[in-house]
Amino acid sequence: MSRVLIIVGLVIVAVGIFWPWLTRIGLGRLPGDILIERENFTIYIPITTGLLFSIVLSVILWLINR
């Protein structure tokens, strides 16, 4: 279990480090992500991006536990 948590942590760190490059290829602004901009605030709800990351992470963890 500790190995899985370490791998998940490293994946989260890697995504954080590479986030500026990931946004250039369109990740973070996918169809289905909600962006509400008003005068005083902006709300960003990354529904599709979250689903995509969840699927990729699930496949990676499934392959590791296999």
N, C-alpha and C. Protein backbone atom coordinates (compact mmCIF):
# COMPACT_ATOMS: atom_id res chain seq x y z
N MET A 1 0.82 -1.19 0.00
CA MET A 1 0.00 0.00 0.00
C MET A 1 0.86 1.25 0.00
N SER A 2 1.98 1.22 0.73
CA SER A 2 2.82 2.42 0.79
C SER A 2 3.45 2.70 -0.58
N ARG A 3 3.75 1.66 -1.35
CA ARG A 3 4.32 1.87 -2.67
C ARG A 3 3.31 2.58 -3.58
N VAL A 4 2.04 2.22 -3.48
CA VAL A 4 1.00 2.85 -4.29
C VAL A 4 0.87 4.32 -3.92
N LEU A 5 0.90 4.63 -2.63
CA LEU A 5 0.79 6.02 -2.20
C LEU A 5 1.98 6.84 -2.67
N ILE A 6 3.16 6.26 -2.65
CA ILE A 6 4.35 6.97 -3.13
C ILE A 6 4.23 7.24 -4.63
N ILE A 7 3.76 6.27 -5.38
CA ILE A 7 3.60 6.45 -6.83
C ILE A 7 2.55 7.51 -7.12
N VAL A 8 1.43 7.48 -6.40
CA VAL A 8 0.39 8.49 -6.59
C VAL A 8 0.94 9.88 -6.27
N GLY A 9 1.71 9.99 -5.22
CA GLY A 9 2.31 11.27 -4.86
C GLY A 9 3.27 11.76 -5.93
N LEU A 10 4.07 10.86 -6.48
CA LEU A 10 5.00 11.25 -7.54
C LEU A 10 4.27 11.67 -8.81
N VAL A 11 3.17 11.01 -9.11
CA VAL A 11 2.36 11.40 -10.28
C VAL A 11 1.77 12.79 -10.07
N ILE A 12 1.28 13.07 -8.89
CA ILE A 12 0.72 14.39 -8.59
C ILE A 12 1.79 15.47 -8.70
N VAL A 13 2.98 15.19 -8.18
CA VAL A 13 4.08 16.14 -8.29
C VAL A 13 4.47 16.36 -9.75
N ALA A 14 4.53 15.28 -10.53
CA ALA A 14 4.88 15.39 -11.95
C ALA A 14 3.86 16.23 -12.71
N VAL A 15 2.59 16.02 -12.43
CA VAL A 15 1.54 16.81 -13.09
C VAL A 15 1.69 18.27 -12.70
N GLY A 16 1.98 18.55 -11.44
CA GLY A 16 2.18 19.92 -11.01
C GLY A 16 3.36 20.59 -11.67
N ILE A 17 4.43 19.84 -11.85
CA ILE A 17 5.63 20.40 -12.49
C ILE A 17 5.38 20.65 -13.98
N PHE A 18 4.73 19.70 -14.64
CA PHE A 18 4.53 19.81 -16.08
C PHE A 18 3.24 20.54 -16.46
N TRP A 19 2.50 21.10 -15.51
CA TRP A 19 1.21 21.74 -15.79
C TRP A 19 1.31 22.87 -16.81
N PRO A 20 2.32 23.76 -16.76
CA PRO A 20 2.39 24.81 -17.79
C PRO A 20 2.48 24.24 -19.21
N TRP A 21 3.17 23.13 -19.40
CA TRP A 21 3.27 22.53 -20.72
C TRP A 21 2.00 21.76 -21.08
N LEU A 22 1.35 21.19 -20.09
CA LEU A 22 0.11 20.46 -20.35
C LEU A 22 -1.01 21.39 -20.80
N THR A 23 -1.03 22.62 -20.26
CA THR A 23 -2.07 23.56 -20.67
C THR A 23 -1.85 24.05 -22.10
N ARG A 24 -0.61 24.03 -22.56
CA ARG A 24 -0.32 24.44 -23.94
C ARG A 24 -0.89 23.46 -24.96
N ILE A 25 -0.98 22.18 -24.59
CA ILE A 25 -1.53 21.20 -25.53
C ILE A 25 -3.03 21.04 -25.38
N GLY A 26 -3.65 21.83 -24.50
CA GLY A 26 -5.09 21.83 -24.40
C GLY A 26 -5.64 21.18 -23.14
N LEU A 27 -4.80 20.55 -22.35
CA LEU A 27 -5.29 19.94 -21.12
C LEU A 27 -5.67 21.04 -20.13
N GLY A 28 -6.80 20.95 -19.54
CA GLY A 28 -7.27 21.98 -18.63
C GLY A 28 -8.32 22.87 -19.25
N ARG A 29 -8.47 22.80 -20.54
CA ARG A 29 -9.50 23.57 -21.24
C ARG A 29 -10.25 22.67 -22.21
N LEU A 30 -10.59 21.49 -21.75
CA LEU A 30 -11.28 20.52 -22.59
C LEU A 30 -12.77 20.84 -22.64
N PRO A 31 -13.46 20.37 -23.68
CA PRO A 31 -14.91 20.52 -23.71
C PRO A 31 -15.51 19.79 -22.52
N GLY A 32 -16.39 20.42 -21.81
CA GLY A 32 -16.97 19.83 -20.61
C GLY A 32 -16.43 20.48 -19.35
N ASP A 33 -15.31 21.17 -19.44
CA ASP A 33 -14.81 21.96 -18.31
C ASP A 33 -15.60 23.25 -18.24
N ILE A 34 -16.00 23.63 -17.05
CA ILE A 34 -16.85 24.80 -16.87
C ILE A 34 -16.01 25.98 -16.42
N LEU A 35 -16.15 27.10 -17.11
CA LEU A 35 -15.45 28.33 -16.76
C LEU A 35 -16.47 29.46 -16.70
N ILE A 36 -16.60 30.05 -15.53
CA ILE A 36 -17.52 31.17 -15.33
C ILE A 36 -16.69 32.38 -14.94
N GLU A 37 -16.73 33.40 -15.76
CA GLU A 37 -15.99 34.63 -15.48
C GLU A 37 -16.97 35.78 -15.28
N ARG A 38 -16.86 36.43 -14.17
CA ARG A 38 -17.66 37.61 -13.85
C ARG A 38 -16.71 38.76 -13.54
N GLU A 39 -17.28 39.89 -13.18
CA GLU A 39 -16.47 41.07 -12.88
C GLU A 39 -15.48 40.82 -11.74
N ASN A 40 -15.95 40.25 -10.65
CA ASN A 40 -15.14 40.15 -9.44
C ASN A 40 -14.56 38.77 -9.18
N PHE A 41 -14.94 37.76 -9.93
CA PHE A 41 -14.44 36.42 -9.64
C PHE A 41 -14.46 35.54 -10.89
N THR A 42 -13.72 34.47 -10.81
CA THR A 42 -13.68 33.45 -11.86
C THR A 42 -13.78 32.09 -11.20
N ILE A 43 -14.65 31.24 -11.73
CA ILE A 43 -14.81 29.88 -11.23
C ILE A 43 -14.45 28.93 -12.37
N TYR A 44 -13.56 28.00 -12.07
CA TYR A 44 -13.17 27.00 -13.06
C TYR A 44 -13.43 25.62 -12.46
N ILE A 45 -14.26 24.83 -13.13
CA ILE A 45 -14.61 23.49 -12.66
C ILE A 45 -14.20 22.50 -13.75
N PRO A 46 -13.06 21.82 -13.56
CA PRO A 46 -12.52 20.94 -14.61
C PRO A 46 -13.12 19.53 -14.59
N ILE A 47 -14.36 19.41 -15.00
CA ILE A 47 -15.05 18.12 -14.96
C ILE A 47 -14.40 17.12 -15.92
N THR A 48 -14.25 17.47 -17.17
CA THR A 48 -13.69 16.55 -18.16
C THR A 48 -12.22 16.25 -17.87
N THR A 49 -11.46 17.26 -17.50
CA THR A 49 -10.06 17.05 -17.18
C THR A 49 -9.92 16.12 -15.98
N GLY A 50 -10.76 16.29 -14.98
CA GLY A 50 -10.74 15.42 -13.82
C GLY A 50 -11.09 13.99 -14.17
N LEU A 51 -12.08 13.81 -15.02
CA LEU A 51 -12.44 12.45 -15.47
C LEU A 51 -11.30 11.81 -16.25
N LEU A 52 -10.66 12.58 -17.10
CA LEU A 52 -9.54 12.05 -17.89
C LEU A 52 -8.39 11.63 -16.99
N PHE A 53 -8.03 12.47 -16.02
CA PHE A 53 -6.97 12.11 -15.08
C PHE A 53 -7.36 10.90 -14.24
N SER A 54 -8.62 10.81 -13.85
CA SER A 54 -9.08 9.67 -13.08
C SER A 54 -8.96 8.37 -13.86
N ILE A 55 -9.35 8.40 -15.12
CA ILE A 55 -9.25 7.21 -15.96
C ILE A 55 -7.80 6.80 -16.16
N VAL A 56 -6.94 7.76 -16.47
CA VAL A 56 -5.52 7.46 -16.68
C VAL A 56 -4.89 6.91 -15.41
N LEU A 57 -5.18 7.53 -14.27
CA LEU A 57 -4.63 7.06 -13.00
C LEU A 57 -5.16 5.68 -12.65
N SER A 58 -6.43 5.41 -12.92
CA SER A 58 -7.00 4.09 -12.65
C SER A 58 -6.33 3.01 -13.50
N VAL A 59 -6.06 3.31 -14.76
CA VAL A 59 -5.39 2.35 -15.64
C VAL A 59 -3.97 2.10 -15.17
N ILE A 60 -3.26 3.16 -14.79
CA ILE A 60 -1.89 3.00 -14.30
C ILE A 60 -1.86 2.15 -13.04
N LEU A 61 -2.74 2.44 -12.10
CA LEU A 61 -2.78 1.65 -10.86
C LEU A 61 -3.20 0.21 -11.13
N TRP A 62 -4.10 0.01 -12.07
CA TRP A 62 -4.51 -1.37 -12.42
C TRP A 62 -3.33 -2.14 -13.00
N LEU A 63 -2.55 -1.48 -13.86
CA LEU A 63 -1.40 -2.13 -14.45
C LEU A 63 -0.33 -2.44 -13.40
N ILE A 64 -0.15 -1.56 -12.43
CA ILE A 64 0.83 -1.79 -11.36
C ILE A 64 0.43 -2.97 -10.49
N ASN A 65 -0.86 -3.07 -10.15
CA ASN A 65 -1.33 -4.14 -9.27
C ASN A 65 -1.51 -5.47 -9.99
N ARG A 66 -1.38 -5.47 -11.26
CA ARG A 66 -1.58 -6.67 -12.07
C ARG A 66 -0.49 -7.66 -11.93
